[in-house]
Amino acid sequence: MQTLHCNVSGLAGSESKTKLLNALDEIQGVQEVAIDLARGTVEVEYNPPADSQQIKSCIEHTGYNIQ
């Protein structure tokens, strides 16, 4: 299993957390998602066929910026 750790700007409140969780859950291979609103971090554990670029693209298409 691989882990992707990103600093993400724009995360505020449980609504954005839920929105991002739901989007990442759609990616086949994503096993676990941890979102820390206070720190503005997202950590994703995944297996193939998911890859880091696909996950980053999903985060950005959901409306958040990776720093």
PDB file of N, CA and C in Angstrom:
ATOM      1  N   MET A   1       0.847  -1.183   0.000  1.00  0.00           N
ATOM      2  CA  MET A   1       0.000   0.000   0.000  1.00  0.00           C
ATOM      3  C   MET A   1       0.885   1.236   0.000  1.00  0.00           C
ATOM      4  N   GLN A   2       0.451   2.244  -0.743  1.00  0.00           N
ATOM      5  CA  GLN A   2       1.192   3.493  -0.817  1.00  0.00           C
ATOM      6  C   GLN A   2       0.420   4.591  -0.094  1.00  0.00           C
ATOM      7  N   THR A   3       1.141   5.625   0.347  1.00  0.00           N
ATOM      8  CA  THR A   3       0.522   6.738   1.057  1.00  0.00           C
ATOM      9  C   THR A   3       0.891   8.044   0.372  1.00  0.00           C
ATOM     10  N   LEU A   4      -0.108   8.880   0.167  1.00  0.00           N
ATOM     11  CA  LEU A   4       0.088  10.211  -0.394  1.00  0.00           C
ATOM     12  C   LEU A   4      -0.308  11.218   0.673  1.00  0.00           C
ATOM     13  N   HIS A   5       0.592  12.159   0.968  1.00  0.00           N
ATOM     14  CA  HIS A   5       0.331  13.185   1.976  1.00  0.00           C
ATOM     15  C   HIS A   5       0.394  14.542   1.277  1.00  0.00           C
ATOM     16  N   CYS A   6      -0.691  15.324   1.380  1.00  0.00           N
ATOM     17  CA  CYS A   6      -0.750  16.623   0.706  1.00  0.00           C
ATOM     18  C   CYS A   6      -1.170  17.714   1.681  1.00  0.00           C
ATOM     19  N   ASN A   7      -0.589  18.898   1.511  1.00  0.00           N
ATOM     20  CA  ASN A   7      -1.082  20.090   2.178  1.00  0.00           C
ATOM     21  C   ASN A   7      -2.085  20.723   1.223  1.00  0.00           C
ATOM     22  N   VAL A   8      -3.302  20.918   1.705  1.00  0.00           N
ATOM     23  CA  VAL A   8      -4.389  21.382   0.840  1.00  0.00           C
ATOM     24  C   VAL A   8      -4.985  22.661   1.407  1.00  0.00           C
ATOM     25  N   SER A   9      -5.111  23.679   0.568  1.00  0.00           N
ATOM     26  CA  SER A   9      -5.731  24.927   1.014  1.00  0.00           C
ATOM     27  C   SER A   9      -7.199  24.947   0.597  1.00  0.00           C
ATOM     28  N   GLY A  10      -7.999  25.630   1.390  1.00  0.00           N
ATOM     29  CA  GLY A  10      -9.417  25.756   1.084  1.00  0.00           C
ATOM     30  C   GLY A  10     -10.316  24.830   1.880  1.00  0.00           C
ATOM     31  N   LEU A  11      -9.725  23.961   2.682  1.00  0.00           N
ATOM     32  CA  LEU A  11     -10.532  23.057   3.511  1.00  0.00           C
ATOM     33  C   LEU A  11     -11.073  23.817   4.711  1.00  0.00           C
ATOM     34  N   ALA A  12     -12.386  23.864   4.831  1.00  0.00           N
ATOM     35  CA  ALA A  12     -12.986  24.572   5.969  1.00  0.00           C
ATOM     36  C   ALA A  12     -14.314  23.928   6.319  1.00  0.00           C
ATOM     37  N   GLY A  13     -14.370  23.325   7.477  1.00  0.00           N
ATOM     38  CA  GLY A  13     -15.627  22.774   7.964  1.00  0.00           C
ATOM     39  C   GLY A  13     -15.918  21.368   7.477  1.00  0.00           C
ATOM     40  N   SER A  14     -16.915  20.773   8.106  1.00  0.00           N
ATOM     41  CA  SER A  14     -17.245  19.376   7.820  1.00  0.00           C
ATOM     42  C   SER A  14     -17.817  19.189   6.421  1.00  0.00           C
ATOM     43  N   GLU A  15     -18.408  20.238   5.849  1.00  0.00           N
ATOM     44  CA  GLU A  15     -18.976  20.109   4.508  1.00  0.00           C
ATOM     45  C   GLU A  15     -17.881  19.849   3.472  1.00  0.00           C
ATOM     46  N   SER A  16     -16.784  20.594   3.556  1.00  0.00           N
ATOM     47  CA  SER A  16     -15.694  20.381   2.595  1.00  0.00           C
ATOM     48  C   SER A  16     -15.014  19.034   2.831  1.00  0.00           C
ATOM     49  N   LYS A  17     -14.949  18.621   4.091  1.00  0.00           N
ATOM     50  CA  LYS A  17     -14.366  17.318   4.409  1.00  0.00           C
ATOM     51  C   LYS A  17     -15.195  16.200   3.784  1.00  0.00           C
ATOM     52  N   THR A  18     -16.507  16.277   3.926  1.00  0.00           N
ATOM     53  CA  THR A  18     -17.403  15.275   3.363  1.00  0.00           C
ATOM     54  C   THR A  18     -17.334  15.269   1.843  1.00  0.00           C
ATOM     55  N   LYS A  19     -17.302  16.452   1.253  1.00  0.00           N
ATOM     56  CA  LYS A  19     -17.227  16.588  -0.207  1.00  0.00           C
ATOM     57  C   LYS A  19     -15.962  15.903  -0.744  1.00  0.00           C
ATOM     58  N   LEU A  20     -14.839  16.146  -0.095  1.00  0.00           N
ATOM     59  CA  LEU A  20     -13.577  15.563  -0.543  1.00  0.00           C
ATOM     60  C   LEU A  20     -13.533  14.054  -0.293  1.00  0.00           C
ATOM     61  N   LEU A  21     -14.019  13.623   0.859  1.00  0.00           N
ATOM     62  CA  LEU A  21     -14.075  12.179   1.150  1.00  0.00           C
ATOM     63  C   LEU A  21     -14.891  11.442   0.101  1.00  0.00           C
ATOM     64  N   ASN A  22     -16.059  11.980  -0.236  1.00  0.00           N
ATOM     65  CA  ASN A  22     -16.928  11.337  -1.222  1.00  0.00           C
ATOM     66  C   ASN A  22     -16.260  11.263  -2.588  1.00  0.00           C
ATOM     67  N   ALA A  23     -15.557  12.323  -2.974  1.00  0.00           N
ATOM     68  CA  ALA A  23     -14.870  12.339  -4.270  1.00  0.00           C
ATOM     69  C   ALA A  23     -13.745  11.300  -4.306  1.00  0.00           C
ATOM     70  N   LEU A  24     -12.945  11.244  -3.237  1.00  0.00           N
ATOM     71  CA  LEU A  24     -11.819  10.306  -3.211  1.00  0.00           C
ATOM     72  C   LEU A  24     -12.290   8.855  -3.121  1.00  0.00           C
ATOM     73  N   ASP A  25     -13.436   8.629  -2.494  1.00  0.00           N
ATOM     74  CA  ASP A  25     -13.980   7.277  -2.392  1.00  0.00           C
ATOM     75  C   ASP A  25     -14.368   6.706  -3.754  1.00  0.00           C
ATOM     76  N   GLU A  26     -14.576   7.574  -4.735  1.00  0.00           N
ATOM     77  CA  GLU A  26     -14.948   7.127  -6.075  1.00  0.00           C
ATOM     78  C   GLU A  26     -13.765   6.524  -6.835  1.00  0.00           C
ATOM     79  N   ILE A  27     -12.547   6.781  -6.371  1.00  0.00           N
ATOM     80  CA  ILE A  27     -11.358   6.276  -7.066  1.00  0.00           C
ATOM     81  C   ILE A  27     -11.122   4.832  -6.652  1.00  0.00           C
ATOM     82  N   GLN A  28     -11.090   3.950  -7.644  1.00  0.00           N
ATOM     83  CA  GLN A  28     -10.841   2.541  -7.368  1.00  0.00           C
ATOM     84  C   GLN A  28      -9.411   2.361  -6.884  1.00  0.00           C
ATOM     85  N   GLY A  29      -9.245   1.713  -5.739  1.00  0.00           N
ATOM     86  CA  GLY A  29      -7.923   1.481  -5.167  1.00  0.00           C
ATOM     87  C   GLY A  29      -7.658   2.303  -3.922  1.00  0.00           C
ATOM     88  N   VAL A  30      -8.446   3.360  -3.693  1.00  0.00           N
ATOM     89  CA  VAL A  30      -8.278   4.165  -2.485  1.00  0.00           C
ATOM     90  C   VAL A  30      -8.789   3.358  -1.298  1.00  0.00           C
ATOM     91  N   GLN A  31      -7.932   3.185  -0.291  1.00  0.00           N
ATOM     92  CA  GLN A  31      -8.276   2.357   0.864  1.00  0.00           C
ATOM     93  C   GLN A  31      -8.742   3.183   2.058  1.00  0.00           C
ATOM     94  N   GLU A  32      -8.008   4.260   2.341  1.00  0.00           N
ATOM     95  CA  GLU A  32      -8.325   5.069   3.520  1.00  0.00           C
ATOM     96  C   GLU A  32      -7.957   6.526   3.270  1.00  0.00           C
ATOM     97  N   VAL A  33      -8.803   7.413   3.789  1.00  0.00           N
ATOM     98  CA  VAL A  33      -8.569   8.849   3.637  1.00  0.00           C
ATOM     99  C   VAL A  33      -8.639   9.492   5.017  1.00  0.00           C
ATOM    100  N   ALA A  34      -7.627  10.296   5.356  1.00  0.00           N
ATOM    101  CA  ALA A  34      -7.623  11.039   6.616  1.00  0.00           C
ATOM    102  C   ALA A  34      -7.465  12.516   6.281  1.00  0.00           C
ATOM    103  N   ILE A  35      -8.446  13.316   6.695  1.00  0.00           N
ATOM    104  CA  ILE A  35      -8.424  14.747   6.434  1.00  0.00           C
ATOM    105  C   ILE A  35      -8.332  15.478   7.764  1.00  0.00           C
ATOM    106  N   ASP A  36      -7.304  16.307   7.910  1.00  0.00           N
ATOM    107  CA  ASP A  36      -7.119  17.104   9.120  1.00  0.00           C
ATOM    108  C   ASP A  36      -7.405  18.563   8.770  1.00  0.00           C
ATOM    109  N   LEU A  37      -8.581  19.028   9.139  1.00  0.00           N
ATOM    110  CA  LEU A  37      -8.990  20.391   8.804  1.00  0.00           C
ATOM    111  C   LEU A  37      -8.103  21.431   9.481  1.00  0.00           C
ATOM    112  N   ALA A  38      -7.707  21.184  10.722  1.00  0.00           N
ATOM    113  CA  ALA A  38      -6.894  22.143  11.469  1.00  0.00           C
ATOM    114  C   ALA A  38      -5.538  22.366  10.802  1.00  0.00           C
ATOM    115  N   ARG A  39      -4.940  21.317  10.313  1.00  0.00           N
ATOM    116  CA  ARG A  39      -3.620  21.414   9.674  1.00  0.00           C
ATOM    117  C   ARG A  39      -3.729  21.656   8.171  1.00  0.00           C
ATOM    118  N   GLY A  40      -4.891  21.379   7.594  1.00  0.00           N
ATOM    119  CA  GLY A  40      -5.052  21.511   6.150  1.00  0.00           C
ATOM    120  C   GLY A  40      -4.316  20.418   5.395  1.00  0.00           C
ATOM    121  N   THR A  41      -4.371  19.192   5.949  1.00  0.00           N
ATOM    122  CA  THR A  41      -3.680  18.084   5.301  1.00  0.00           C
ATOM    123  C   THR A  41      -4.653  16.981   4.901  1.00  0.00           C
ATOM    124  N   VAL A  42      -4.277  16.279   3.854  1.00  0.00           N
ATOM    125  CA  VAL A  42      -5.028  15.112   3.386  1.00  0.00           C
ATOM    126  C   VAL A  42      -4.027  13.982   3.218  1.00  0.00           C
ATOM    127  N   GLU A  43      -4.346  12.837   3.809  1.00  0.00           N
ATOM    128  CA  GLU A  43      -3.499  11.661   3.673  1.00  0.00           C
ATOM    129  C   GLU A  43      -4.339  10.537   3.092  1.00  0.00           C
ATOM    130  N   VAL A  44      -3.860   9.951   2.005  1.00  0.00           N
ATOM    131  CA  VAL A  44      -4.607   8.917   1.304  1.00  0.00           C
ATOM    132  C   VAL A  44      -3.750   7.662   1.204  1.00  0.00           C
ATOM    133  N   GLU A  45      -4.293   6.539   1.654  1.00  0.00           N
ATOM    134  CA  GLU A  45      -3.641   5.249   1.472  1.00  0.00           C
ATOM    135  C   GLU A  45      -4.330   4.564   0.310  1.00  0.00           C
ATOM    136  N   TYR A  46      -3.520   4.055  -0.620  1.00  0.00           N
ATOM    137  CA  TYR A  46      -4.114   3.493  -1.834  1.00  0.00           C
ATOM    138  C   TYR A  46      -3.272   2.356  -2.400  1.00  0.00           C
ATOM    139  N   ASN A  47      -3.916   1.577  -3.253  1.00  0.00           N
ATOM    140  CA  ASN A  47      -3.293   0.500  -4.011  1.00  0.00           C
ATOM    141  C   ASN A  47      -3.615   0.722  -5.483  1.00  0.00           C
ATOM    142  N   PRO A  48      -2.865   0.093  -6.389  1.00  0.00           N
ATOM    143  CA  PRO A  48      -3.256   0.164  -7.797  1.00  0.00           C
ATOM    144  C   PRO A  48      -4.679  -0.380  -7.961  1.00  0.00           C
ATOM    145  N   PRO A  49      -5.467   0.129  -8.884  1.00  0.00           N
ATOM    146  CA  PRO A  49      -5.062   0.972 -10.013  1.00  0.00           C
ATOM    147  C   PRO A  49      -4.957   2.469  -9.685  1.00  0.00           C
ATOM    148  N   ALA A  50      -5.252   2.892  -8.468  1.00  0.00           N
ATOM    149  CA  ALA A  50      -5.121   4.315  -8.115  1.00  0.00           C
ATOM    150  C   ALA A  50      -3.654   4.718  -8.144  1.00  0.00           C
ATOM    151  N   ASP A  51      -3.387   5.980  -8.508  1.00  0.00           N
ATOM    152  CA  ASP A  51      -2.025   6.492  -8.434  1.00  0.00           C
ATOM    153  C   ASP A  51      -2.060   7.918  -7.891  1.00  0.00           C
ATOM    154  N   SER A  52      -0.891   8.414  -7.499  1.00  0.00           N
ATOM    155  CA  SER A  52      -0.825   9.710  -6.834  1.00  0.00           C
ATOM    156  C   SER A  52      -1.333  10.842  -7.727  1.00  0.00           C
ATOM    157  N   GLN A  53      -1.058  10.774  -9.017  1.00  0.00           N
ATOM    158  CA  GLN A  53      -1.500  11.832  -9.923  1.00  0.00           C
ATOM    159  C   GLN A  53      -3.021  11.870 -10.024  1.00  0.00           C
ATOM    160  N   GLN A  54      -3.634  10.706 -10.071  1.00  0.00           N
ATOM    161  CA  GLN A  54      -5.093  10.611 -10.133  1.00  0.00           C
ATOM    162  C   GLN A  54      -5.724  11.192  -8.858  1.00  0.00           C
ATOM    163  N   ILE A  55      -5.125  10.916  -7.711  1.00  0.00           N
ATOM    164  CA  ILE A  55      -5.638  11.410  -6.436  1.00  0.00           C
ATOM    165  C   ILE A  55      -5.483  12.927  -6.354  1.00  0.00           C
ATOM    166  N   LYS A  56      -4.318  13.446  -6.742  1.00  0.00           N
ATOM    167  CA  LYS A  56      -4.096  14.895  -6.729  1.00  0.00           C
ATOM    168  C   LYS A  56      -5.068  15.604  -7.668  1.00  0.00           C
ATOM    169  N   SER A  57      -5.292  15.026  -8.820  1.00  0.00           N
ATOM    170  CA  SER A  57      -6.223  15.596  -9.793  1.00  0.00           C
ATOM    171  C   SER A  57      -7.635  15.639  -9.221  1.00  0.00           C
ATOM    172  N   CYS A  58      -8.024  14.589  -8.516  1.00  0.00           N
ATOM    173  CA  CYS A  58      -9.349  14.526  -7.889  1.00  0.00           C
ATOM    174  C   CYS A  58      -9.497  15.629  -6.844  1.00  0.00           C
ATOM    175  N   ILE A  59      -8.473  15.829  -6.026  1.00  0.00           N
ATOM    176  CA  ILE A  59      -8.514  16.873  -4.994  1.00  0.00           C
ATOM    177  C   ILE A  59      -8.689  18.242  -5.640  1.00  0.00           C
ATOM    178  N   GLU A  60      -7.929  18.504  -6.701  1.00  0.00           N
ATOM    179  CA  GLU A  60      -7.997  19.805  -7.366  1.00  0.00           C
ATOM    180  C   GLU A  60      -9.325  20.005  -8.103  1.00  0.00           C
ATOM    181  N   HIS A  61      -9.841  18.931  -8.718  1.00  0.00           N
ATOM    182  CA  HIS A  61     -11.115  19.043  -9.429  1.00  0.00           C
ATOM    183  C   HIS A  61     -12.292  19.202  -8.460  1.00  0.00           C
ATOM    184  N   THR A  62     -12.090  18.839  -7.196  1.00  0.00           N
ATOM    185  CA  THR A  62     -13.136  19.011  -6.197  1.00  0.00           C
ATOM    186  C   THR A  62     -13.168  20.452  -5.695  1.00  0.00           C
ATOM    187  N   GLY A  63     -12.149  21.242  -6.066  1.00  0.00           N
ATOM    188  CA  GLY A  63     -12.155  22.658  -5.744  1.00  0.00           C
ATOM    189  C   GLY A  63     -11.115  23.107  -4.733  1.00  0.00           C
ATOM    190  N   TYR A  64     -10.112  22.274  -4.479  1.00  0.00           N
ATOM    191  CA  TYR A  64      -9.085  22.605  -3.486  1.00  0.00           C
ATOM    192  C   TYR A  64      -7.718  22.701  -4.150  1.00  0.00           C
ATOM    193  N   ASN A  65      -6.811  23.434  -3.552  1.00  0.00           N
ATOM    194  CA  ASN A  65      -5.473  23.613  -4.107  1.00  0.00           C
ATOM    195  C   ASN A  65      -4.445  22.858  -3.275  1.00  0.00           C
ATOM    196  N   ILE A  66      -3.608  22.103  -3.963  1.00  0.00           N
ATOM    197  CA  ILE A  66      -2.507  21.410  -3.291  1.00  0.00           C
ATOM    198  C   ILE A  66      -1.329  22.373  -3.255  1.00  0.00           C
ATOM    199  N   GLN A  67      -0.758  22.544  -2.065  1.00  0.00           N
ATOM    200  CA  GLN A  67       0.354  23.494  -1.893  1.00  0.00           C
ATOM    201  C   GLN A  67       1.688  22.795  -2.062  1.00  0.00           C
TER     202      GLN A  67
END
